[in-house]
Amino acid sequence: MLTTVKNELQRATPESQGMASSAILKFVEAVESQIHELHSFMLVRHGKVVAEGWWSPYGRDLQHMLFSLSKSFTSTAVGLAVNEGKLSVDDTVLSFFPDATPATVSDNLAAMKVRHLLSMSTGHDVDTMPLLFKGAGGDWIKGFFAVPVLHKPGTHFVYNTGATYMLSAIVQKVTGMMLTDYLEPRLFAPLGIENAWWEVSPQGVNMGGFGLNIKTEDIARFGQLYLQKGVWQGQQLVPEAWVKEATSIQSDNSEMTNIDWKQGYGYQFWRSRHNAYRGDGAFGQYCVVMPDQDAVLAITSGLGDMQQPMNLVWDILLPAMKDDSLPDDPTAQDRLIKKLTGLNIPPVQGETSSPTAAKVSGRVYKLGANELGFETAALNFADNGCTAAFKKGTTQETIRCDYGVWQADETSLLNRPNDKSQSHIVSSGAWTAEDTFTMVVRVHETPFFQTFAFHFADEQMTIETKVNVSFEPPAVEVIAGHPL
């Protein structure tokens, strides 16, 4: 017996909502041949899901790290607080933090308003977020105020995650609640978004500009709410005026490079081609709203070129959206369903055995200095796969990677320094050469995966490791190891 998830979007065939199943299949096939690293998508037309898919080991019930798509939720919180009379977009930023005001205040800093934080037109010349991490005495708000404001606010667009953090801090200041607590009864609960979690700064403020984690369908519901001008199941959750203001052009960003990133910027929403708008986050997290087509597209992924999926949306999906329903096409629908239910990212391809395995299994290698902080490594081989053991400071953990499948596990080994929390991972491994065992570890509630190639020669082990995407060009790190 099927159970209905609270506020789950209705499902319908593509043809009933004016789209050909064959066009959606063409989109999915293009994604797989050209992009390779989408994790999920959900396409909503006329309020009904017409296609959805998760590339295993990513799944419907897993949350995904949103990065800057979080910003659009922060904007929504500001709009709700404005509607409740807690603040105005014309309030100055300094007015909320008298205790953090610097001794010397420039005219530009004094003129900075909430609307400038929202529209990324604070007057800064750089993203302030890296400087917030180094803020005065660890105080991120003081750190923000310490960054020179070189331009008159409202005149210069710079994508500024620190500005969104300040919006989060302002909402917390005027409501007495963190963003997650403030949004829970006003947005999350009505939309059916459960167990949303948001990273927190050392000062106890939700990051605002990044750090929100929710599911693919949660993203789609959020986009549908905006498409419906803030109305959900007959209730006006977000004021219609705020939806219009937040998704209209508030800043000129025409000097940006990628075409879908130079169409104008609203209040923490990007304008797109074809009169669309979106929230998006690093490495391919999207909530694309297409008012003219009455459609929403949610995507999670782990990719480097964020323009590429947008091009496929405009080239393949957009022309397929017709005004009227289409004749039913069971054959094409069956092909699409078969494709969507079989989506997967293959585990590591290679051999399940090598003569080298017996020589190195269980041997502990001392490692040279490396960015991961690993001190020792050992691989223990069995018929069904390998268990990799690492020592990192006081932490000793193992990662199991079976042949031909993704093996679920938990680890803290790939976390940032001093982060001991356990991340959900899936791993796979195989012999990719007689002297090389390759292991891939996917942190599958994030965009990231790490590849380890263990090379064995002359009693030595060398590890080549690389993360798939990062804010700097990903580079291969080579770690030398010798037997203890």
Foldseek 3Di string as FASTA:
>chain_A
DDDDAVLFFAADAQLQQQFFLVLVVVLVVCCCVPFNWWAKKWKAFPRHTHDIFGAPVFDQPFKAWFFQLLQVLLLQLLQVCVVVVLDDQQAQLCVLCVVLADPDADPQNRRAGNQLLQQQQSQAPEAQVVQLCVADVNHSVNSVRPGDRHGRGLADHYDHLSSQQSSQVSSCSSVVDASCVSCVVLPCVLNSWPPWDFDAGPVGHGSRRTGIITGQSSLQSVLLCLLVQQDDPRDRSGHSVSSVQQFDASDQQLVDDQQQQGPHGGRSWGAGPQRKIWHHRPQEFIWIHHNVLRMTMTIDTHGHDRVVSVVSCVVRVVVRRDPRRHPDDVVSSVVSVVPRVNRHNWADDAAQDAPCLVVFAPFKWAKDDDPLQWGIWGWHHDNFFIWIWTDHPPDIDIDTAGAGDWAWDWACSNPDPPDGDIAIWTKHWYAHDNQWIKMKIGSNSYNKIKIWIWGDDPQWIKIWMWINDDPDPIDTDIMTIHTD
